[in-house]
Amino acid sequence: MMPGVRVVCSYCRKTIRADPKARITDVSHGMCPECGEHFAKLWAGMPVAEYLDELGTPVILTDGAGRVLAMNQKLAELIGAEPINTRGLLGGEAFACVHSRSPEGCGKTVHCRECAVRRSVETVARTGKPQERVLAYLDTDAGRIDLRISVKPAKAGIVQVKIDEMGPPRPRAGPDA
């Protein structure tokens, strides 16, 4: 190590080594062992499910129409589902939205036009521009669940939806609310 230099991980920004004589501007970059291990697995062909499970927040990957491609275990536990059983379902079906069971089906009811989750996925798929901390809700048999979501394009038409916050179910207003 050159004297007077602080070495910082280029990925997580953790200090790897620091010379006490280093000025704040004397910085070099490298990769910490934790990031090195993560990227070695990723470059070796880490399965999507394993990658998603390493993320600290509930995450789902969809296509531009909102059809589930994959979700991490953290999200599956929140919604009471097995990730493998949600593949190919529309988002509302995977999240057990009460409106998805209507005769019109998920994405085709009057409620779906106002669904912030659906609108965000479709908008991000169309524009490629991420949306951060969008207010949304989900109507389930247990009640209405308030959400904050962040949606961003992944690659090749894939959209990532991260659940930033998820409140407890509360009673919905009326039978079709």
N, C-alpha and C. Protein backbone atom coordinates (compact mmCIF):
# COMPACT_ATOMS: atom_id res chain seq x y z
N MET A 1 0.86 -1.19 0.00
CA MET A 1 0.00 0.00 0.00
C MET A 1 0.89 1.24 0.00
N MET A 2 0.53 2.18 -0.82
CA MET A 2 1.27 3.43 -0.87
C MET A 2 1.04 4.18 0.44
N PRO A 3 2.05 4.82 0.97
CA PRO A 3 1.85 5.56 2.22
C PRO A 3 0.90 6.73 2.01
N GLY A 4 0.08 6.97 3.01
CA GLY A 4 -0.82 8.12 2.96
C GLY A 4 -2.07 7.90 2.13
N VAL A 5 -2.46 6.64 1.88
CA VAL A 5 -3.62 6.37 1.04
C VAL A 5 -4.65 5.55 1.83
N ARG A 6 -5.91 5.86 1.60
CA ARG A 6 -7.02 5.08 2.15
C ARG A 6 -7.61 4.29 0.99
N VAL A 7 -7.82 2.97 1.20
CA VAL A 7 -8.37 2.11 0.15
C VAL A 7 -9.82 1.80 0.51
N VAL A 8 -10.73 2.10 -0.45
CA VAL A 8 -12.17 1.97 -0.25
C VAL A 8 -12.72 0.98 -1.27
N CYS A 9 -13.68 0.15 -0.84
CA CYS A 9 -14.33 -0.78 -1.76
C CYS A 9 -15.14 0.02 -2.79
N SER A 10 -14.92 -0.26 -4.05
CA SER A 10 -15.63 0.45 -5.12
C SER A 10 -17.12 0.15 -5.13
N TYR A 11 -17.54 -0.95 -4.51
CA TYR A 11 -18.94 -1.37 -4.58
C TYR A 11 -19.73 -0.96 -3.35
N CYS A 12 -19.27 -1.32 -2.16
CA CYS A 12 -20.04 -1.01 -0.95
C CYS A 12 -19.53 0.22 -0.21
N ARG A 13 -18.41 0.76 -0.64
CA ARG A 13 -17.80 1.97 -0.09
C ARG A 13 -17.19 1.79 1.31
N LYS A 14 -17.04 0.53 1.75
CA LYS A 14 -16.43 0.26 3.05
C LYS A 14 -14.92 0.51 2.93
N THR A 15 -14.31 1.03 4.00
CA THR A 15 -12.87 1.22 4.01
C THR A 15 -12.19 -0.13 4.18
N ILE A 16 -11.30 -0.46 3.27
CA ILE A 16 -10.58 -1.72 3.31
C ILE A 16 -9.31 -1.56 4.15
N ARG A 17 -8.55 -0.53 3.84
CA ARG A 17 -7.34 -0.19 4.61
C ARG A 17 -7.24 1.32 4.66
N ALA A 18 -6.65 1.79 5.76
CA ALA A 18 -6.48 3.24 5.88
C ALA A 18 -5.15 3.53 6.56
N ASP A 19 -4.42 4.43 5.97
CA ASP A 19 -3.20 4.93 6.59
C ASP A 19 -3.61 6.13 7.43
N PRO A 20 -3.26 6.13 8.71
CA PRO A 20 -3.67 7.27 9.56
C PRO A 20 -3.15 8.62 9.07
N LYS A 21 -2.11 8.59 8.23
CA LYS A 21 -1.56 9.85 7.72
C LYS A 21 -2.25 10.30 6.43
N ALA A 22 -3.20 9.50 5.94
CA ALA A 22 -3.85 9.81 4.66
C ALA A 22 -4.74 11.04 4.79
N ARG A 23 -4.66 11.88 3.77
CA ARG A 23 -5.59 13.01 3.70
C ARG A 23 -6.92 12.49 3.17
N ILE A 24 -7.97 13.23 3.37
CA ILE A 24 -9.31 12.81 2.93
C ILE A 24 -9.37 12.59 1.43
N THR A 25 -8.54 13.29 0.68
CA THR A 25 -8.55 13.17 -0.77
C THR A 25 -7.62 12.08 -1.30
N ASP A 26 -6.82 11.48 -0.43
CA ASP A 26 -5.90 10.41 -0.84
C ASP A 26 -6.61 9.07 -0.77
N VAL A 27 -7.35 8.76 -1.83
CA VAL A 27 -8.19 7.56 -1.85
C VAL A 27 -7.87 6.72 -3.08
N SER A 28 -7.82 5.43 -2.87
CA SER A 28 -7.71 4.48 -3.97
C SER A 28 -8.87 3.50 -3.79
N HIS A 29 -9.15 2.73 -4.80
CA HIS A 29 -10.30 1.83 -4.73
C HIS A 29 -9.88 0.39 -5.01
N GLY A 30 -10.63 -0.51 -4.42
CA GLY A 30 -10.43 -1.94 -4.60
C GLY A 30 -11.76 -2.64 -4.34
N MET A 31 -11.68 -3.91 -3.94
CA MET A 31 -12.90 -4.68 -3.65
C MET A 31 -12.68 -5.39 -2.31
N CYS A 32 -13.63 -5.22 -1.39
CA CYS A 32 -13.54 -5.88 -0.10
C CYS A 32 -13.82 -7.38 -0.26
N PRO A 33 -13.42 -8.21 0.70
CA PRO A 33 -13.65 -9.66 0.57
C PRO A 33 -15.12 -10.03 0.42
N GLU A 34 -16.03 -9.34 1.12
CA GLU A 34 -17.45 -9.65 1.01
C GLU A 34 -17.96 -9.39 -0.39
N CYS A 35 -17.64 -8.26 -0.97
CA CYS A 35 -18.07 -7.95 -2.34
C CYS A 35 -17.38 -8.89 -3.32
N GLY A 36 -16.11 -9.23 -3.06
CA GLY A 36 -15.40 -10.17 -3.92
C GLY A 36 -16.10 -11.52 -3.97
N GLU A 37 -16.54 -12.00 -2.80
CA GLU A 37 -17.25 -13.28 -2.75
C GLU A 37 -18.59 -13.20 -3.48
N HIS A 38 -19.32 -12.10 -3.26
CA HIS A 38 -20.61 -11.91 -3.93
C HIS A 38 -20.44 -11.89 -5.45
N PHE A 39 -19.51 -11.09 -5.94
CA PHE A 39 -19.34 -10.97 -7.38
C PHE A 39 -18.76 -12.24 -8.00
N ALA A 40 -17.95 -12.97 -7.28
CA ALA A 40 -17.44 -14.25 -7.80
C ALA A 40 -18.61 -15.20 -8.05
N LYS A 41 -19.56 -15.27 -7.10
CA LYS A 41 -20.74 -16.12 -7.30
C LYS A 41 -21.59 -15.59 -8.46
N LEU A 42 -21.77 -14.28 -8.52
CA LEU A 42 -22.58 -13.68 -9.57
C LEU A 42 -21.99 -13.96 -10.95
N TRP A 43 -20.68 -13.76 -11.09
CA TRP A 43 -20.01 -13.97 -12.37
C TRP A 43 -19.97 -15.44 -12.75
N ALA A 44 -20.04 -16.33 -11.76
CA ALA A 44 -20.02 -17.76 -12.04
C ALA A 44 -21.40 -18.27 -12.48
N GLY A 45 -22.39 -17.40 -12.46
CA GLY A 45 -23.73 -17.79 -12.89
C GLY A 45 -24.68 -18.02 -11.73
N MET A 46 -24.69 -17.14 -10.77
CA MET A 46 -25.59 -17.24 -9.62
C MET A 46 -27.04 -17.27 -10.09
N PRO A 47 -27.82 -18.22 -9.61
CA PRO A 47 -29.24 -18.25 -9.97
C PRO A 47 -29.96 -16.97 -9.51
N VAL A 48 -30.95 -16.55 -10.28
CA VAL A 48 -31.69 -15.32 -9.97
C VAL A 48 -32.27 -15.39 -8.56
N ALA A 49 -32.84 -16.52 -8.18
CA ALA A 49 -33.46 -16.65 -6.85
C ALA A 49 -32.44 -16.40 -5.74
N GLU A 50 -31.24 -16.93 -5.91
CA GLU A 50 -30.20 -16.72 -4.90
C GLU A 50 -29.80 -15.25 -4.84
N TYR A 51 -29.66 -14.63 -6.01
CA TYR A 51 -29.33 -13.21 -6.07
C TYR A 51 -30.39 -12.38 -5.36
N LEU A 52 -31.66 -12.64 -5.66
CA LEU A 52 -32.74 -11.88 -5.04
C LEU A 52 -32.79 -12.10 -3.53
N ASP A 53 -32.51 -13.32 -3.09
CA ASP A 53 -32.52 -13.61 -1.66
C ASP A 53 -31.43 -12.88 -0.91
N GLU A 54 -30.35 -12.49 -1.60
CA GLU A 54 -29.28 -11.74 -0.94
C GLU A 54 -29.65 -10.27 -0.72
N LEU A 55 -30.68 -9.79 -1.41
CA LEU A 55 -31.10 -8.40 -1.24
C LEU A 55 -31.80 -8.27 0.12
N GLY A 56 -31.62 -7.15 0.76
CA GLY A 56 -32.14 -6.97 2.11
C GLY A 56 -33.61 -6.62 2.20
N THR A 57 -34.26 -6.37 1.08
CA THR A 57 -35.66 -5.97 1.10
C THR A 57 -36.49 -6.90 0.21
N PRO A 58 -37.80 -6.93 0.43
CA PRO A 58 -38.67 -7.75 -0.42
C PRO A 58 -38.66 -7.23 -1.86
N VAL A 59 -38.42 -8.14 -2.82
CA VAL A 59 -38.28 -7.75 -4.22
C VAL A 59 -38.98 -8.77 -5.11
N ILE A 60 -39.59 -8.24 -6.19
CA ILE A 60 -40.20 -9.09 -7.21
C ILE A 60 -39.73 -8.60 -8.57
N LEU A 61 -39.50 -9.53 -9.48
CA LEU A 61 -39.18 -9.19 -10.87
C LEU A 61 -40.39 -9.56 -11.72
N THR A 62 -40.78 -8.64 -12.60
CA THR A 62 -41.91 -8.89 -13.48
C THR A 62 -41.51 -8.54 -14.91
N ASP A 63 -42.35 -8.98 -15.84
CA ASP A 63 -42.20 -8.46 -17.19
C ASP A 63 -42.97 -7.14 -17.25
N GLY A 64 -42.98 -6.49 -18.39
CA GLY A 64 -43.62 -5.19 -18.52
C GLY A 64 -45.12 -5.20 -18.31
N ALA A 65 -45.74 -6.36 -18.43
CA ALA A 65 -47.19 -6.47 -18.23
C ALA A 65 -47.53 -6.85 -16.79
N GLY A 66 -46.52 -6.99 -15.93
CA GLY A 66 -46.77 -7.31 -14.54
C GLY A 66 -46.84 -8.80 -14.23
N ARG A 67 -46.37 -9.65 -15.13
CA ARG A 67 -46.36 -11.09 -14.90
C ARG A 67 -45.09 -11.45 -14.11
N VAL A 68 -45.24 -12.22 -13.04
CA VAL A 68 -44.14 -12.54 -12.13
C VAL A 68 -43.11 -13.45 -12.81
N LEU A 69 -41.85 -13.01 -12.76
CA LEU A 69 -40.74 -13.82 -13.25
C LEU A 69 -40.02 -14.48 -12.07
N ALA A 70 -39.86 -13.74 -10.97
CA ALA A 70 -39.19 -14.26 -9.77
C ALA A 70 -39.46 -13.32 -8.61
N MET A 71 -39.37 -13.86 -7.41
CA MET A 71 -39.44 -13.03 -6.20
C MET A 71 -38.50 -13.63 -5.17
N ASN A 72 -38.05 -12.80 -4.22
CA ASN A 72 -37.18 -13.35 -3.20
C ASN A 72 -38.00 -13.93 -2.05
N GLN A 73 -37.31 -14.71 -1.22
CA GLN A 73 -37.96 -15.40 -0.11
C GLN A 73 -38.55 -14.42 0.88
N LYS A 74 -37.91 -13.28 1.06
CA LYS A 74 -38.41 -12.27 2.00
C LYS A 74 -39.81 -11.80 1.59
N LEU A 75 -40.02 -11.55 0.32
CA LEU A 75 -41.34 -11.15 -0.16
C LEU A 75 -42.32 -12.31 -0.07
N ALA A 76 -41.87 -13.50 -0.45
CA ALA A 76 -42.75 -14.68 -0.39
C ALA A 76 -43.29 -14.90 1.02
N GLU A 77 -42.44 -14.71 2.02
CA GLU A 77 -42.88 -14.86 3.41
C GLU A 77 -43.90 -13.79 3.78
N LEU A 78 -43.69 -12.57 3.30
CA LEU A 78 -44.64 -11.48 3.60
C LEU A 78 -46.03 -11.76 3.03
N ILE A 79 -46.08 -12.34 1.84
CA ILE A 79 -47.39 -12.55 1.21
C ILE A 79 -47.91 -13.98 1.40
N GLY A 80 -47.12 -14.81 2.09
CA GLY A 80 -47.56 -16.17 2.37
C GLY A 80 -47.60 -17.06 1.14
N ALA A 81 -46.56 -17.00 0.33
CA ALA A 81 -46.53 -17.78 -0.91
C ALA A 81 -45.17 -18.46 -1.06
N GLU A 82 -45.11 -19.42 -1.93
CA GLU A 82 -43.85 -20.04 -2.34
C GLU A 82 -43.43 -19.36 -3.64
N PRO A 83 -42.20 -18.87 -3.72
CA PRO A 83 -41.78 -18.16 -4.94
C PRO A 83 -42.03 -18.95 -6.22
N ILE A 84 -41.77 -20.23 -6.21
CA ILE A 84 -41.94 -21.05 -7.41
C ILE A 84 -43.40 -21.08 -7.87
N ASN A 85 -44.33 -21.00 -6.91
CA ASN A 85 -45.76 -21.06 -7.25
C ASN A 85 -46.30 -19.75 -7.80
N THR A 86 -45.52 -18.68 -7.73
CA THR A 86 -45.99 -17.38 -8.23
C THR A 86 -45.50 -17.10 -9.64
N ARG A 87 -44.56 -17.87 -10.13
CA ARG A 87 -44.02 -17.62 -11.48
C ARG A 87 -45.12 -17.73 -12.52
N GLY A 88 -45.18 -16.72 -13.37
CA GLY A 88 -46.16 -16.71 -14.44
C GLY A 88 -47.48 -16.06 -14.06
N LEU A 89 -47.70 -15.87 -12.77
CA LEU A 89 -48.93 -15.20 -12.34
C LEU A 89 -48.82 -13.71 -12.59
N LEU A 90 -49.96 -13.06 -12.76
CA LEU A 90 -49.96 -11.60 -12.76
C LEU A 90 -49.75 -11.13 -11.32
N GLY A 91 -49.23 -9.92 -11.17
CA GLY A 91 -48.89 -9.42 -9.84
C GLY A 91 -50.03 -9.50 -8.85
N GLY A 92 -51.22 -9.09 -9.24
CA GLY A 92 -52.37 -9.13 -8.35
C GLY A 92 -52.72 -10.54 -7.92
N GLU A 93 -52.52 -11.50 -8.81
CA GLU A 93 -52.77 -12.91 -8.46
C GLU A 93 -51.75 -13.39 -7.44
N ALA A 94 -50.48 -13.04 -7.66
CA ALA A 94 -49.42 -13.46 -6.74
C ALA A 94 -49.61 -12.84 -5.36
N PHE A 95 -50.05 -11.58 -5.32
CA PHE A 95 -50.24 -10.88 -4.05
C PHE A 95 -51.61 -11.14 -3.44
N ALA A 96 -52.41 -12.00 -4.07
CA ALA A 96 -53.75 -12.36 -3.58
C ALA A 96 -54.66 -11.13 -3.47
N CYS A 97 -54.58 -10.24 -4.45
CA CYS A 97 -55.47 -9.08 -4.50
C CYS A 97 -56.90 -9.59 -4.74
N VAL A 98 -57.85 -9.11 -3.95
CA VAL A 98 -59.23 -9.58 -4.10
C VAL A 98 -59.79 -9.27 -5.48
N HIS A 99 -59.34 -8.22 -6.11
CA HIS A 99 -59.86 -7.83 -7.42
C HIS A 99 -59.38 -8.76 -8.53
N SER A 100 -58.27 -9.46 -8.29
CA SER A 100 -57.76 -10.39 -9.31
C SER A 100 -58.67 -11.60 -9.47
N ARG A 101 -59.53 -11.85 -8.48
CA ARG A 101 -60.44 -12.99 -8.55
C ARG A 101 -61.80 -12.63 -9.14
N SER A 102 -61.96 -11.39 -9.58
CA SER A 102 -63.22 -10.98 -10.19
C SER A 102 -63.33 -11.63 -11.58
N PRO A 103 -64.53 -11.66 -12.15
CA PRO A 103 -64.69 -12.28 -13.47
C PRO A 103 -63.78 -11.67 -14.54
N GLU A 104 -63.49 -10.37 -14.44
CA GLU A 104 -62.63 -9.74 -15.45
C GLU A 104 -61.18 -10.18 -15.32
N GLY A 105 -60.75 -10.51 -14.09
CA GLY A 105 -59.38 -10.96 -13.85
C GLY A 105 -58.42 -9.83 -13.55
N CYS A 106 -57.25 -10.20 -13.12
CA CYS A 106 -56.22 -9.24 -12.74
C CYS A 106 -55.87 -8.33 -13.92
N GLY A 107 -55.87 -7.03 -13.63
CA GLY A 107 -55.51 -6.05 -14.64
C GLY A 107 -56.65 -5.57 -15.50
N LYS A 108 -57.85 -6.12 -15.29
CA LYS A 108 -58.96 -5.77 -16.18
C LYS A 108 -60.17 -5.19 -15.45
N THR A 109 -60.09 -4.98 -14.13
CA THR A 109 -61.22 -4.41 -13.40
C THR A 109 -61.08 -2.90 -13.31
N VAL A 110 -62.13 -2.25 -12.90
CA VAL A 110 -62.10 -0.81 -12.70
C VAL A 110 -61.06 -0.44 -11.63
N HIS A 111 -60.86 -1.33 -10.67
CA HIS A 111 -59.88 -1.07 -9.60
C HIS A 111 -58.45 -1.10 -10.13
N CYS A 112 -58.21 -1.92 -11.13
CA CYS A 112 -56.86 -2.09 -11.67
C CYS A 112 -56.34 -0.81 -12.34
N ARG A 113 -57.25 -0.01 -12.89
CA ARG A 113 -56.82 1.25 -13.52
C ARG A 113 -56.19 2.18 -12.50
N GLU A 114 -56.60 2.05 -11.24
CA GLU A 114 -56.08 2.92 -10.18
C GLU A 114 -54.96 2.26 -9.39
N CYS A 115 -54.57 1.04 -9.75
CA CYS A 115 -53.55 0.31 -9.00
C CYS A 115 -52.17 0.94 -9.24
N ALA A 116 -51.61 1.52 -8.18
CA ALA A 116 -50.31 2.19 -8.31
C ALA A 116 -49.19 1.21 -8.63
N VAL A 117 -49.31 -0.02 -8.15
CA VAL A 117 -48.29 -1.03 -8.44
C VAL A 117 -48.31 -1.33 -9.94
N ARG A 118 -49.47 -1.66 -10.46
CA ARG A 118 -49.60 -1.96 -11.90
C ARG A 118 -49.16 -0.77 -12.75
N ARG A 119 -49.65 0.42 -12.43
CA ARG A 119 -49.30 1.61 -13.22
C ARG A 119 -47.80 1.86 -13.21
N SER A 120 -47.18 1.68 -12.04
CA SER A 120 -45.73 1.91 -11.94
C SER A 120 -44.96 0.91 -12.78
N VAL A 121 -45.32 -0.36 -12.71
CA VAL A 121 -44.64 -1.39 -13.51
C VAL A 121 -44.78 -1.07 -14.99
N GLU A 122 -45.99 -0.77 -15.44
CA GLU A 122 -46.21 -0.49 -16.85
C GLU A 122 -45.46 0.76 -17.30
N THR A 123 -45.45 1.80 -16.46
CA THR A 123 -44.77 3.05 -16.81
C THR A 123 -43.26 2.84 -16.90
N VAL A 124 -42.69 2.15 -15.92
CA VAL A 124 -41.24 1.91 -15.94
C VAL A 124 -40.87 1.03 -17.13
N ALA A 125 -41.69 0.03 -17.44
CA ALA A 125 -41.42 -0.82 -18.60
C ALA A 125 -41.45 -0.01 -19.89
N ARG A 126 -42.37 0.95 -19.98
CA ARG A 126 -42.53 1.76 -21.19
C ARG A 126 -41.44 2.83 -21.31
N THR A 127 -41.13 3.51 -20.19
CA THR A 127 -40.23 4.67 -20.24
C THR A 127 -38.79 4.36 -19.86
N GLY A 128 -38.59 3.31 -19.07
CA GLY A 128 -37.25 3.01 -18.58
C GLY A 128 -36.81 3.90 -17.44
N LYS A 129 -37.72 4.76 -16.95
CA LYS A 129 -37.38 5.69 -15.86
C LYS A 129 -37.88 5.13 -14.53
N PRO A 130 -36.98 5.04 -13.53
CA PRO A 130 -37.38 4.48 -12.24
C PRO A 130 -38.36 5.39 -11.50
N GLN A 131 -39.11 4.80 -10.60
CA GLN A 131 -40.02 5.53 -9.72
C GLN A 131 -39.68 5.14 -8.29
N GLU A 132 -39.52 6.12 -7.42
CA GLU A 132 -39.08 5.88 -6.04
C GLU A 132 -40.20 6.15 -5.04
N ARG A 133 -40.34 5.24 -4.10
CA ARG A 133 -41.22 5.37 -2.93
C ARG A 133 -42.64 5.79 -3.30
N VAL A 134 -43.21 5.10 -4.25
CA VAL A 134 -44.57 5.36 -4.72
C VAL A 134 -45.57 4.86 -3.68
N LEU A 135 -46.55 5.68 -3.34
CA LEU A 135 -47.62 5.25 -2.44
C LEU A 135 -48.54 4.30 -3.19
N ALA A 136 -48.85 3.17 -2.58
CA ALA A 136 -49.71 2.18 -3.21
C ALA A 136 -50.47 1.45 -2.11
N TYR A 137 -51.43 0.63 -2.50
CA TYR A 137 -52.11 -0.25 -1.55
C TYR A 137 -52.50 -1.52 -2.26
N LEU A 138 -52.79 -2.52 -1.46
CA LEU A 138 -53.17 -3.82 -1.95
C LEU A 138 -54.40 -4.27 -1.17
N ASP A 139 -55.47 -4.62 -1.88
CA ASP A 139 -56.68 -5.13 -1.24
C ASP A 139 -56.63 -6.65 -1.18
N THR A 140 -56.60 -7.19 0.04
CA THR A 140 -56.55 -8.64 0.23
C THR A 140 -57.74 -9.06 1.09
N ASP A 141 -57.90 -10.37 1.25
CA ASP A 141 -58.95 -10.87 2.14
C ASP A 141 -58.73 -10.39 3.58
N ALA A 142 -57.48 -10.17 3.95
CA ALA A 142 -57.17 -9.72 5.31
C ALA A 142 -57.43 -8.23 5.49
N GLY A 143 -57.61 -7.48 4.40
CA GLY A 143 -57.84 -6.04 4.48
C GLY A 143 -56.94 -5.29 3.50
N ARG A 144 -56.98 -3.99 3.60
CA ARG A 144 -56.16 -3.14 2.73
C ARG A 144 -54.78 -2.96 3.36
N ILE A 145 -53.76 -3.17 2.56
CA ILE A 145 -52.38 -3.05 3.02
C ILE A 145 -51.74 -1.88 2.31
N ASP A 146 -51.26 -0.91 3.08
CA ASP A 146 -50.58 0.25 2.50
C ASP A 146 -49.13 -0.11 2.21
N LEU A 147 -48.66 0.35 1.06
CA LEU A 147 -47.30 0.05 0.60
C LEU A 147 -46.59 1.32 0.16
N ARG A 148 -45.29 1.26 0.17
CA ARG A 148 -44.42 2.20 -0.54
C ARG A 148 -43.52 1.31 -1.37
N ILE A 149 -43.48 1.57 -2.67
CA ILE A 149 -42.69 0.74 -3.57
C ILE A 149 -41.72 1.59 -4.38
N SER A 150 -40.63 0.98 -4.77
CA SER A 150 -39.70 1.59 -5.72
C SER A 150 -39.59 0.63 -6.89
N VAL A 151 -39.73 1.18 -8.08
CA VAL A 151 -39.77 0.36 -9.29
C VAL A 151 -38.69 0.87 -10.24
N LYS A 152 -37.91 -0.08 -10.79
CA LYS A 152 -36.86 0.33 -11.73
C LYS A 152 -36.70 -0.72 -12.80
N PRO A 153 -36.19 -0.29 -13.96
CA PRO A 153 -35.96 -1.27 -15.01
C PRO A 153 -34.76 -2.13 -14.63
N ALA A 154 -34.83 -3.41 -14.92
CA ALA A 154 -33.68 -4.29 -14.74
C ALA A 154 -33.02 -4.37 -16.10
N LYS A 155 -33.16 -5.47 -16.83
CA LYS A 155 -32.64 -5.50 -18.19
C LYS A 155 -33.55 -6.35 -19.05
N ALA A 156 -33.49 -6.14 -20.33
CA ALA A 156 -34.24 -6.93 -21.31
C ALA A 156 -35.72 -7.00 -20.99
N GLY A 157 -36.35 -5.84 -20.70
CA GLY A 157 -37.79 -5.81 -20.47
C GLY A 157 -38.23 -6.27 -19.09
N ILE A 158 -37.30 -6.47 -18.18
CA ILE A 158 -37.63 -6.90 -16.82
C ILE A 158 -37.72 -5.68 -15.92
N VAL A 159 -38.73 -5.70 -15.04
CA VAL A 159 -38.94 -4.60 -14.10
C VAL A 159 -38.79 -5.14 -12.69
N GLN A 160 -38.05 -4.41 -11.85
CA GLN A 160 -37.86 -4.79 -10.45
C GLN A 160 -38.73 -3.92 -9.57
N VAL A 161 -39.52 -4.55 -8.71
CA VAL A 161 -40.36 -3.84 -7.75
C VAL A 161 -39.85 -4.19 -6.36
N LYS A 162 -39.46 -3.15 -5.62
CA LYS A 162 -38.97 -3.33 -4.25
C LYS A 162 -40.03 -2.78 -3.31
N ILE A 163 -40.37 -3.55 -2.29
CA ILE A 163 -41.32 -3.09 -1.27
C ILE A 163 -40.51 -2.34 -0.22
N ASP A 164 -40.61 -1.02 -0.21
CA ASP A 164 -39.87 -0.21 0.76
C ASP A 164 -40.53 -0.26 2.13
N GLU A 165 -41.85 -0.20 2.15
CA GLU A 165 -42.62 -0.25 3.40
C GLU A 165 -43.90 -1.03 3.15
N MET A 166 -44.34 -1.74 4.18
CA MET A 166 -45.59 -2.50 4.08
C MET A 166 -46.28 -2.42 5.43
N GLY A 167 -47.46 -1.80 5.45
CA GLY A 167 -48.21 -1.67 6.70
C GLY A 167 -49.03 -2.91 6.98
N PRO A 168 -49.63 -2.96 8.16
CA PRO A 168 -50.49 -4.09 8.50
C PRO A 168 -51.84 -3.96 7.77
N PRO A 169 -52.54 -5.08 7.56
CA PRO A 169 -53.86 -5.00 6.93
C PRO A 169 -54.82 -4.19 7.78
N ARG A 170 -55.65 -3.39 7.13
CA ARG A 170 -56.71 -2.65 7.83
C ARG A 170 -57.99 -2.87 7.09
N PRO A 171 -59.15 -2.78 7.77
CA PRO A 171 -60.42 -3.06 7.11
C PRO A 171 -60.63 -2.19 5.87
N ARG A 172 -61.15 -2.80 4.82
CA ARG A 172 -61.48 -2.06 3.60
C ARG A 172 -62.87 -1.46 3.77
N ALA A 173 -63.14 -0.42 3.04
CA ALA A 173 -64.45 0.24 3.10
C ALA A 173 -65.38 -0.39 2.08
N GLY A 174 -66.35 -1.15 2.49
CA GLY A 174 -67.36 -1.72 1.59
C GLY A 174 -66.88 -2.99 0.91
N PRO A 175 -67.79 -3.76 0.32
CA PRO A 175 -67.44 -5.05 -0.29
C PRO A 175 -66.60 -4.94 -1.54
N ASP A 176 -66.72 -3.89 -2.30
CA ASP A 176 -65.96 -3.74 -3.55
C ASP A 176 -64.88 -2.70 -3.45
N ALA A 177 -64.53 -2.27 -2.25
CA ALA A 177 -63.56 -1.19 -2.09
C ALA A 177 -62.18 -1.63 -2.51
